Amino acid sequence: MQPKNGRKIGWASAAAIVIANMIGTGVFTTLGLQLEKISSVWAVLLLWLLGGVIALFGSFSYAELGTRLPRSGGEYYFLSRIYHPFLGYLAGWVSLTVGFSASVALAALAMGDYAQHFLSVGAKPLAITAILLISLVHSISIRQSSSFQNLFTLLKLLLILFFILACFIRPAPENAALSGAAFSLAIDSPAFMVGLVYVAYSFSGWNAAAYIVEEIKDPVRNLPKALIIGTVLVSALYVLLQMGFLYQASEEQLAGRVDVGQVVAHLMFGTVGGQLISLFISLFLISSISANVWVGPRVVRAMADDYSIWHFLAKDNASGIPVRAVWMQAAISVFMVLSSQFDQVFLYSGFVLHLFTTLAVAGVLLLRWRSGPGGYRSPFYPWAQLLFLGVSVWMLAVLIYDRPTESLMGLANLGVGAISYWWSKRFVATG
């Protein structure tokens, strides 16, 4: 798939994809869970700073990979070229079956849950309608996809900035968590390390622009700019938003709560605050759905070029949009919404997706060892990659220990993918 140059996007639109993928409901939910286990608010804020640094180091690595291997598809293409087509196929298989589809379904259901407070329609019908309409938007042209994504990403940023400003403009209550909190960094506890796992999930999406590298003008210059600027901007907003929450509420009011945004909004605006947050989250989730609908089918489309078993998904429209892949992903997402059996799927897909992200970052080290630097050169090489890999391996170990069922389900899904790889090779050989 190679769109015409006039239909490619610039770095700002690519950065909007990164921002839209990164900012989700996690930034409004995990703070309360961290405060429940970690006694120091400064240690909690350090978690969010570390999450931003790790995501930034990952974006350095993907910028180098995307400029040295400039084809859409993300880990599917990177791992195929660096290691072996089998590993790349498994990464693509996860994206095809549950990866992006689960993210779309979860975001759509969350949007439906919030929007039903304003509309007399159930959450599931609203979620399905959103998936179908947004898939339609992304089935026409790259220009339309870009305009739609930019609009709702801008809206998302404005709403978050409004919330941050509201937190800091309003005087802090005397019992607020940051009011007179003693400086302490208890970072050697298991709770701190577990908290880092959840923060890392909140930062996921920093690599989104690398999945559509063929649709970016001058990717050697614009891909690194999009990945790095998008990641830095979201990281700064994340830290400021957590500080705003701690500036307006006490530890007791937030600890153990998953609806942190609702709690703080209620404290600042009264009963209207809950309704405001519901509208706020339902609107910015449109951007999250849109980003996954745009990015996910590009992985499927890349697989369809290389494997005859998926060749029926290789149909593009006149503008270079992989329409069949878009609607296949939409169908899987709608099925997940209707079945409501995708919560575990999302967890196990998260495990295997993070596994392939780890392999991709390690691939930067292998590429440098084999052929030296080329294209964009990652800053702080190799320390940025080694730190990212150290944290990632630790996170995978924690997930296997803490979520063994979902981790094993993820590995089982890879087993099914391995069977389909064998079948596809046999299909090619006999077809």
Protein backbone atom coordinates (compact mmCIF):
# COMPACT_ATOMS: atom_id res chain seq x y z
CA MET A 1 0.00 0.00 0.00
CA GLN A 2 1.55 3.26 -1.06
CA PRO A 3 -0.65 6.38 -0.96
CA LYS A 4 0.03 9.19 -3.36
CA ASN A 5 2.35 11.88 -2.01
CA GLY A 6 -0.39 14.50 -2.06
CA ARG A 7 -2.47 12.36 0.26
CA LYS A 8 0.17 11.84 2.89
CA ILE A 9 0.08 13.55 6.27
CA GLY A 10 2.57 15.83 7.99
CA TRP A 11 4.18 15.48 11.39
CA ALA A 12 1.35 17.33 13.19
CA SER A 13 -1.29 14.86 12.00
CA ALA A 14 1.00 11.95 12.85
CA ALA A 15 1.55 13.44 16.32
CA ALA A 16 -2.24 13.67 16.70
CA ILE A 17 -2.38 9.90 16.20
CA VAL A 18 0.16 9.44 18.99
CA ILE A 19 -1.69 11.80 21.34
CA ALA A 20 -5.07 10.22 20.62
CA ASN A 21 -3.74 6.70 21.22
CA MET A 22 -1.98 7.65 24.44
CA ILE A 23 -4.69 9.65 26.20
CA GLY A 24 -7.40 7.31 27.46
CA THR A 25 -9.35 6.61 30.62
CA GLY A 26 -6.27 5.31 32.47
CA VAL A 27 -5.12 8.82 33.35
CA PHE A 28 -8.41 9.33 35.23
CA THR A 29 -8.50 6.00 37.07
CA THR A 30 -5.10 4.71 38.23
CA LEU A 31 -4.16 7.48 40.69
CA GLY A 32 -6.59 6.21 43.32
CA LEU A 33 -5.22 2.67 43.05
CA GLN A 34 -1.67 3.95 43.49
CA LEU A 35 -2.55 6.02 46.56
CA GLU A 36 -4.16 2.97 48.11
CA LYS A 37 -0.79 1.19 48.22
CA ILE A 38 1.79 4.01 48.23
CA SER A 39 1.88 6.39 51.19
CA SER A 40 3.92 9.17 49.54
CA VAL A 41 2.23 11.48 47.01
CA TRP A 42 5.69 12.47 45.74
CA ALA A 43 6.48 8.83 45.00
CA VAL A 44 3.21 8.62 43.05
CA LEU A 45 4.15 11.68 40.99
CA LEU A 46 7.58 10.14 40.39
CA LEU A 47 5.80 7.11 38.92
CA TRP A 48 4.18 9.31 36.29
CA LEU A 49 7.48 11.02 35.51
CA LEU A 50 9.17 7.65 35.06
CA GLY A 51 6.31 6.49 32.83
CA GLY A 52 6.93 9.48 30.59
CA VAL A 53 10.68 8.84 30.43
CA ILE A 54 10.18 5.17 29.53
CA ALA A 55 7.66 6.08 26.83
CA LEU A 56 10.07 8.71 25.46
CA PHE A 57 12.92 6.18 25.26
CA GLY A 58 10.55 3.83 23.45
CA SER A 59 9.65 6.58 20.97
CA PHE A 60 13.38 7.15 20.27
CA SER A 61 13.69 3.48 19.39
CA TYR A 62 10.60 3.34 17.18
CA ALA A 63 11.68 6.52 15.39
CA GLU A 64 14.93 4.78 14.44
CA LEU A 65 13.12 1.58 13.43
CA GLY A 66 10.52 3.44 11.37
CA THR A 67 13.11 5.46 9.44
CA ARG A 68 15.35 2.46 8.77
CA LEU A 69 12.44 0.14 7.90
CA PRO A 70 9.92 2.60 6.40
CA ARG A 71 6.89 0.41 5.80
CA SER A 72 3.53 0.55 7.58
CA GLY A 73 2.72 -2.29 9.94
CA GLY A 74 4.65 -1.58 13.14
CA GLU A 75 5.97 -4.66 14.95
CA TYR A 76 4.70 -6.93 12.18
CA TYR A 77 7.18 -5.49 9.71
CA PHE A 78 9.97 -4.65 12.17
CA LEU A 79 10.15 -8.15 13.65
CA SER A 80 9.82 -9.80 10.23
CA ARG A 81 12.88 -7.94 8.98
CA ILE A 82 15.01 -7.99 12.14
CA TYR A 83 14.36 -11.51 13.43
CA HIS A 84 12.25 -13.81 11.27
CA PRO A 85 8.93 -13.57 9.36
CA PHE A 86 7.42 -15.99 11.90
CA LEU A 87 7.82 -13.52 14.78
CA GLY A 88 6.48 -10.70 12.65
CA TYR A 89 3.51 -12.82 11.65
CA LEU A 90 2.68 -13.54 15.30
CA ALA A 91 2.78 -9.81 16.09
CA GLY A 92 0.44 -9.15 13.17
CA TRP A 93 -1.79 -12.04 14.22
CA VAL A 94 -2.33 -10.49 17.67
CA SER A 95 -3.17 -7.14 16.08
CA LEU A 96 -5.53 -8.85 13.62
CA THR A 97 -7.42 -10.91 16.20
CA VAL A 98 -7.65 -8.82 19.35
CA GLY A 99 -5.05 -6.05 19.65
CA PHE A 100 -6.63 -2.96 18.15
CA SER A 101 -10.13 -4.43 17.99
CA ALA A 102 -10.24 -4.83 21.78
CA SER A 103 -9.03 -1.26 22.29
CA VAL A 104 -11.74 0.03 19.97
CA ALA A 105 -14.43 -2.04 21.72
CA LEU A 106 -13.38 -0.98 25.22
CA ALA A 107 -13.17 2.70 24.32
CA ALA A 108 -16.53 2.54 22.53
CA LEU A 109 -18.24 0.85 25.48
CA ALA A 110 -16.74 3.38 27.88
CA MET A 111 -17.96 6.19 25.63
CA GLY A 112 -21.43 4.62 25.60
CA ASP A 113 -21.44 4.35 29.40
CA TYR A 114 -20.73 8.06 29.78
CA ALA A 115 -22.89 9.28 26.87
CA GLN A 116 -26.00 7.41 28.04
CA HIS A 117 -26.25 9.92 30.89
CA PHE A 118 -27.12 12.54 28.26
CA LEU A 119 -28.89 10.40 25.65
CA SER A 120 -31.81 8.06 26.21
CA VAL A 121 -29.97 5.17 24.51
CA GLY A 122 -28.17 2.17 26.03
CA ALA A 123 -24.39 1.95 26.21
CA LYS A 124 -24.03 -0.94 23.74
CA PRO A 125 -26.13 0.59 20.94
CA LEU A 126 -24.15 3.82 21.34
CA ALA A 127 -20.86 1.91 21.25
CA ILE A 128 -21.78 0.00 18.09
CA THR A 129 -23.01 3.17 16.40
CA ALA A 130 -19.75 4.93 17.24
CA ILE A 131 -17.65 2.06 15.84
CA LEU A 132 -19.60 1.93 12.58
CA LEU A 133 -19.69 5.70 12.02
CA ILE A 134 -16.00 6.21 12.81
CA SER A 135 -15.06 3.25 10.60
CA LEU A 136 -17.06 4.89 7.81
CA VAL A 137 -15.14 8.14 8.29
CA HIS A 138 -11.85 6.25 7.93
CA SER A 139 -13.00 4.40 4.80
CA ILE A 140 -12.94 7.37 2.44
CA SER A 141 -9.59 9.14 2.25
CA ILE A 142 -6.46 9.88 4.24
CA ARG A 143 -7.30 13.59 4.13
CA GLN A 144 -10.69 12.98 5.73
CA SER A 145 -9.18 10.62 8.32
CA SER A 146 -6.56 13.25 9.15
CA SER A 147 -9.09 16.08 9.48
CA PHE A 148 -11.41 14.03 11.69
CA GLN A 149 -8.54 12.84 13.89
CA ASN A 150 -7.03 16.31 14.24
CA LEU A 151 -10.39 17.83 15.22
CA PHE A 152 -11.18 15.38 18.00
CA THR A 153 -7.58 15.24 19.24
CA LEU A 154 -7.59 19.04 19.53
CA LEU A 155 -10.87 18.83 21.43
CA LYS A 156 -9.35 16.21 23.74
CA LEU A 157 -6.33 18.42 24.44
CA LEU A 158 -8.48 21.50 25.10
CA LEU A 159 -10.69 19.60 27.53
CA ILE A 160 -7.71 18.22 29.46
CA LEU A 161 -6.10 21.67 29.58
CA PHE A 162 -9.37 23.09 30.90
CA PHE A 163 -9.47 20.48 33.64
CA ILE A 164 -5.82 21.12 34.59
CA LEU A 165 -6.34 24.89 34.72
CA ALA A 166 -9.52 24.48 36.76
CA CYS A 167 -7.62 22.38 39.31
CA PHE A 168 -4.87 24.96 39.79
CA ILE A 169 -6.96 28.15 39.54
CA ARG A 170 -9.32 27.07 42.32
CA PRO A 171 -7.77 27.45 45.79
CA ALA A 172 -6.62 24.18 47.31
CA PRO A 173 -8.54 22.86 50.33
CA GLU A 174 -6.60 22.61 53.58
CA ASN A 175 -6.70 18.83 53.54
CA ALA A 176 -5.50 18.48 49.91
CA ALA A 177 -2.87 15.79 49.37
CA LEU A 178 -0.20 18.23 48.18
CA SER A 179 -0.82 20.75 50.97
CA GLY A 180 2.10 20.38 53.30
CA ALA A 181 2.92 16.84 52.18
CA ALA A 182 6.34 15.83 53.47
CA PHE A 183 8.81 15.08 50.70
CA SER A 184 9.41 11.33 50.59
CA LEU A 185 10.32 8.90 47.84
CA ALA A 186 9.57 5.36 48.96
CA ILE A 187 10.59 3.74 45.70
CA ASP A 188 11.99 0.48 47.03
CA SER A 189 8.61 -1.07 47.89
CA PRO A 190 6.86 -3.72 45.75
CA ALA A 191 3.83 -1.40 45.60
CA PHE A 192 5.90 1.21 43.77
CA MET A 193 6.98 -1.28 41.14
CA VAL A 194 3.46 -2.62 40.66
CA GLY A 195 2.28 0.98 40.32
CA LEU A 196 4.76 1.46 37.50
CA VAL A 197 3.08 -1.36 35.57
CA TYR A 198 -0.25 0.45 35.62
CA VAL A 199 1.35 3.78 34.72
CA ALA A 200 3.07 2.15 31.74
CA TYR A 201 -0.33 0.95 30.52
CA SER A 202 -1.63 4.52 30.79
CA PHE A 203 1.22 5.65 28.53
CA SER A 204 0.65 2.96 25.88
CA GLY A 205 0.15 4.32 22.36
CA TRP A 206 3.38 6.33 22.16
CA ASN A 207 4.44 4.21 19.13
CA ALA A 208 1.25 4.71 17.09
CA ALA A 209 2.69 6.83 14.27
CA ALA A 210 5.20 4.09 13.40
CA TYR A 211 2.30 1.89 12.25
CA ILE A 212 1.41 4.29 9.42
CA VAL A 213 4.89 5.38 8.35
CA GLU A 214 4.05 5.03 4.63
CA GLU A 215 1.31 7.63 5.01
CA ILE A 216 3.68 10.24 6.49
CA LYS A 217 5.47 12.79 4.30
CA ASP A 218 9.27 12.60 4.57
CA PRO A 219 9.23 10.02 7.38
CA VAL A 220 12.95 10.39 8.15
CA ARG A 221 12.25 13.92 9.36
CA ASN A 222 8.58 13.80 10.37
CA LEU A 223 8.21 10.40 12.07
CA PRO A 224 10.71 11.14 14.89
CA LYS A 225 9.19 14.58 15.35
CA ALA A 226 5.67 13.15 15.62
CA LEU A 227 6.62 10.37 18.05
CA ILE A 228 8.76 12.52 20.33
CA ILE A 229 6.59 15.66 20.41
CA GLY A 230 3.42 13.63 20.91
CA THR A 231 4.97 11.62 23.75
CA VAL A 232 6.49 14.64 25.52
CA LEU A 233 3.24 16.61 25.30
CA VAL A 234 1.11 13.80 26.70
CA SER A 235 3.65 13.06 29.44
CA ALA A 236 3.59 16.69 30.58
CA LEU A 237 -0.23 16.74 30.58
CA TYR A 238 -0.34 13.47 32.54
CA VAL A 239 1.95 14.77 35.30
CA LEU A 240 0.11 18.10 35.52
CA LEU A 241 -3.27 16.37 35.67
CA GLN A 242 -2.18 14.09 38.53
CA MET A 243 -0.78 17.12 40.35
CA GLY A 244 -4.09 18.89 39.82
CA PHE A 245 -6.01 15.98 41.32
CA LEU A 246 -3.69 15.94 44.35
CA TYR A 247 -3.99 19.72 44.65
CA GLN A 248 -7.78 19.56 44.98
CA ALA A 249 -8.44 16.35 46.92
CA SER A 250 -7.07 14.54 49.96
CA GLU A 251 -5.44 11.14 49.92
CA GLU A 252 -8.42 9.75 51.83
CA GLN A 253 -10.86 11.04 49.20
CA LEU A 254 -8.89 9.52 46.30
CA ALA A 255 -7.36 6.31 47.69
CA GLY A 256 -8.97 3.20 46.23
CA ARG A 257 -11.22 5.14 43.86
CA VAL A 258 -11.24 4.38 40.13
CA ASP A 259 -13.42 7.41 39.31
CA VAL A 260 -10.81 9.97 40.35
CA GLY A 261 -11.93 12.48 37.73
CA GLN A 262 -15.51 12.28 38.95
CA VAL A 263 -14.42 12.75 42.58
CA VAL A 264 -12.34 15.85 41.85
CA ALA A 265 -14.97 17.34 39.53
CA HIS A 266 -17.63 16.89 42.21
CA LEU A 267 -15.38 18.62 44.76
CA MET A 268 -14.78 21.57 42.44
CA PHE A 269 -18.15 21.98 40.71
CA GLY A 270 -20.67 20.11 42.85
CA THR A 271 -23.21 17.79 41.24
CA VAL A 272 -22.67 19.48 37.88
CA GLY A 273 -19.09 18.21 37.98
CA GLY A 274 -20.12 14.59 37.53
CA GLN A 275 -22.14 15.46 34.45
CA LEU A 276 -19.30 17.59 33.10
CA ILE A 277 -16.82 14.74 33.46
CA SER A 278 -19.24 12.33 31.77
CA LEU A 279 -19.48 14.64 28.76
CA PHE A 280 -15.73 15.26 28.87
CA ILE A 281 -14.73 11.60 28.76
CA SER A 282 -17.37 10.60 26.19
CA LEU A 283 -16.07 13.27 23.79
CA PHE A 284 -12.38 12.52 24.14
CA LEU A 285 -12.97 8.77 23.75
CA ILE A 286 -14.11 9.45 20.18
CA SER A 287 -10.52 10.43 19.44
CA SER A 288 -9.22 7.19 21.01
CA ILE A 289 -11.61 5.06 18.94
CA SER A 290 -10.69 6.96 15.79
CA ALA A 291 -6.94 6.55 16.29
CA ASN A 292 -7.23 2.77 16.69
CA VAL A 293 -9.58 2.50 13.70
CA TRP A 294 -7.00 4.34 11.61
CA VAL A 295 -3.87 2.51 12.82
CA GLY A 296 -5.02 -1.12 13.30
CA PRO A 297 -6.04 -1.94 9.72
CA ARG A 298 -2.59 -0.88 8.45
CA VAL A 299 -1.06 -3.87 10.24
CA VAL A 300 -3.65 -6.18 8.71
CA ARG A 301 -3.09 -4.63 5.29
CA ALA A 302 0.66 -5.23 5.50
CA MET A 303 0.03 -8.91 6.35
CA ALA A 304 -2.39 -9.22 3.43
CA ASP A 305 0.40 -8.18 1.04
CA ASP A 306 2.71 -10.91 2.30
CA TYR A 307 0.44 -13.89 3.00
CA SER A 308 -2.04 -15.27 0.49
CA ILE A 309 -4.30 -16.59 3.23
CA TRP A 310 -5.12 -12.96 4.11
CA HIS A 311 -5.03 -11.66 0.56
CA PHE A 312 -8.79 -11.00 0.56
CA LEU A 313 -8.04 -8.07 2.92
CA ALA A 314 -5.62 -6.46 0.45
CA LYS A 315 -8.29 -4.35 -1.25
CA ASP A 316 -7.70 -0.57 -1.21
CA ASN A 317 -9.97 2.18 -2.46
CA ALA A 318 -8.84 4.85 -4.89
CA SER A 319 -7.28 6.87 -2.08
CA GLY A 320 -5.17 3.98 -0.77
CA ILE A 321 -7.41 3.17 2.21
CA PRO A 322 -7.48 -0.55 3.21
CA VAL A 323 -11.27 -0.60 3.39
CA ARG A 324 -11.67 -4.36 3.84
CA ALA A 325 -9.23 -4.37 6.74
CA VAL A 326 -11.04 -1.40 8.29
CA TRP A 327 -14.39 -3.20 8.21
CA MET A 328 -13.00 -6.53 9.35
CA GLN A 329 -11.61 -4.81 12.44
CA ALA A 330 -14.95 -3.05 12.91
CA ALA A 331 -16.77 -6.40 12.76
CA ILE A 332 -14.49 -7.92 15.41
CA SER A 333 -14.94 -4.86 17.64
CA VAL A 334 -18.74 -5.00 17.31
CA PHE A 335 -18.67 -8.71 18.18
CA MET A 336 -16.68 -7.93 21.32
CA VAL A 337 -19.17 -5.25 22.33
CA LEU A 338 -22.12 -7.61 21.81
CA SER A 339 -20.54 -10.56 23.60
CA SER A 340 -19.11 -8.51 26.50
CA GLN A 341 -16.47 -11.23 26.88
CA PHE A 342 -13.47 -9.16 25.93
CA ASP A 343 -12.18 -7.89 29.28
CA GLN A 344 -9.84 -10.86 29.70
CA VAL A 345 -9.02 -10.70 25.99
CA PHE A 346 -7.86 -7.14 26.48
CA LEU A 347 -5.59 -8.17 29.37
CA TYR A 348 -3.99 -11.09 27.57
CA SER A 349 -3.62 -9.12 24.35
CA GLY A 350 -1.89 -6.43 26.41
CA PHE A 351 0.61 -9.00 27.62
CA VAL A 352 1.55 -10.27 24.17
CA LEU A 353 1.49 -6.80 22.58
CA HIS A 354 3.96 -5.60 25.22
CA LEU A 355 6.08 -8.68 24.53
CA PHE A 356 6.39 -7.69 20.86
CA THR A 357 7.09 -4.06 21.75
CA THR A 358 9.99 -5.29 23.89
CA LEU A 359 11.32 -7.37 21.00
CA ALA A 360 11.05 -4.37 18.68
CA VAL A 361 13.11 -2.11 20.97
CA ALA A 362 15.70 -4.87 21.31
CA GLY A 363 15.78 -4.90 17.52
CA VAL A 364 17.40 -1.45 17.53
CA LEU A 365 20.42 -2.99 19.26
CA LEU A 366 20.53 -5.80 16.69
CA LEU A 367 20.27 -3.41 13.72
CA ARG A 368 23.12 -1.26 15.05
CA TRP A 369 25.25 -4.37 15.68
CA ARG A 370 24.64 -5.74 12.19
CA SER A 371 24.88 -2.63 10.04
CA GLY A 372 25.68 0.38 12.20
CA PRO A 373 23.54 3.53 12.51
CA GLY A 374 21.34 4.72 9.67
CA GLY A 375 18.43 7.09 9.19
CA TYR A 376 17.36 8.67 12.45
CA ARG A 377 19.76 7.93 15.30
CA SER A 378 18.26 7.39 18.73
CA PRO A 379 19.56 9.76 21.42
CA PHE A 380 21.18 8.16 24.48
CA TYR A 381 21.89 4.94 22.57
CA PRO A 382 22.23 2.25 23.93
CA TRP A 383 21.24 3.32 27.46
CA ALA A 384 17.74 4.40 26.45
CA GLN A 385 17.08 0.98 24.95
CA LEU A 386 18.64 -0.93 27.86
CA LEU A 387 16.55 0.96 30.43
CA PHE A 388 13.39 0.39 28.41
CA LEU A 389 14.17 -3.31 28.08
CA GLY A 390 14.96 -3.70 31.77
CA VAL A 391 11.64 -2.21 32.82
CA SER A 392 9.74 -4.12 30.12
CA VAL A 393 11.15 -7.51 31.09
CA TRP A 394 10.33 -6.80 34.71
CA MET A 395 6.75 -5.80 33.76
CA LEU A 396 6.25 -9.00 31.77
CA ALA A 397 7.46 -11.01 34.76
CA VAL A 398 5.02 -9.18 37.04
CA LEU A 399 2.15 -9.85 34.64
CA ILE A 400 2.98 -13.57 34.47
CA TYR A 401 3.08 -13.69 38.27
CA ASP A 402 0.07 -11.45 38.94
CA ARG A 403 -2.11 -12.42 35.95
CA PRO A 404 -1.09 -16.01 35.09
CA THR A 405 -4.45 -16.91 33.49
CA GLU A 406 -4.48 -13.96 31.10
CA SER A 407 -0.77 -14.39 30.32
CA LEU A 408 -1.30 -18.06 29.45
CA MET A 409 -4.32 -17.10 27.34
CA GLY A 410 -2.07 -14.72 25.45
CA LEU A 411 0.48 -17.43 24.85
CA ALA A 412 -2.32 -19.77 23.75
CA ASN A 413 -3.44 -17.17 21.23
CA LEU A 414 0.11 -17.15 19.89
CA GLY A 415 -0.17 -20.92 19.51
CA VAL A 416 -3.24 -20.48 17.31
CA GLY A 417 -1.34 -17.84 15.36
CA ALA A 418 1.53 -20.28 14.85
CA ILE A 419 -0.89 -22.82 13.40
CA SER A 420 -2.29 -20.21 11.01
CA TYR A 421 1.28 -19.31 9.98
CA TRP A 422 1.97 -22.95 9.15
CA TRP A 423 -1.31 -23.11 7.19
CA SER A 424 -0.52 -19.91 5.32
CA LYS A 425 2.88 -21.25 4.25
CA ARG A 426 1.26 -24.48 3.13
CA PHE A 427 -1.44 -22.49 1.36
CA VAL A 428 1.23 -20.51 -0.53
CA ALA A 429 3.14 -23.67 -1.38
CA THR A 430 0.10 -25.48 -2.79
CA GLY A 431 -1.77 -22.47 -4.15
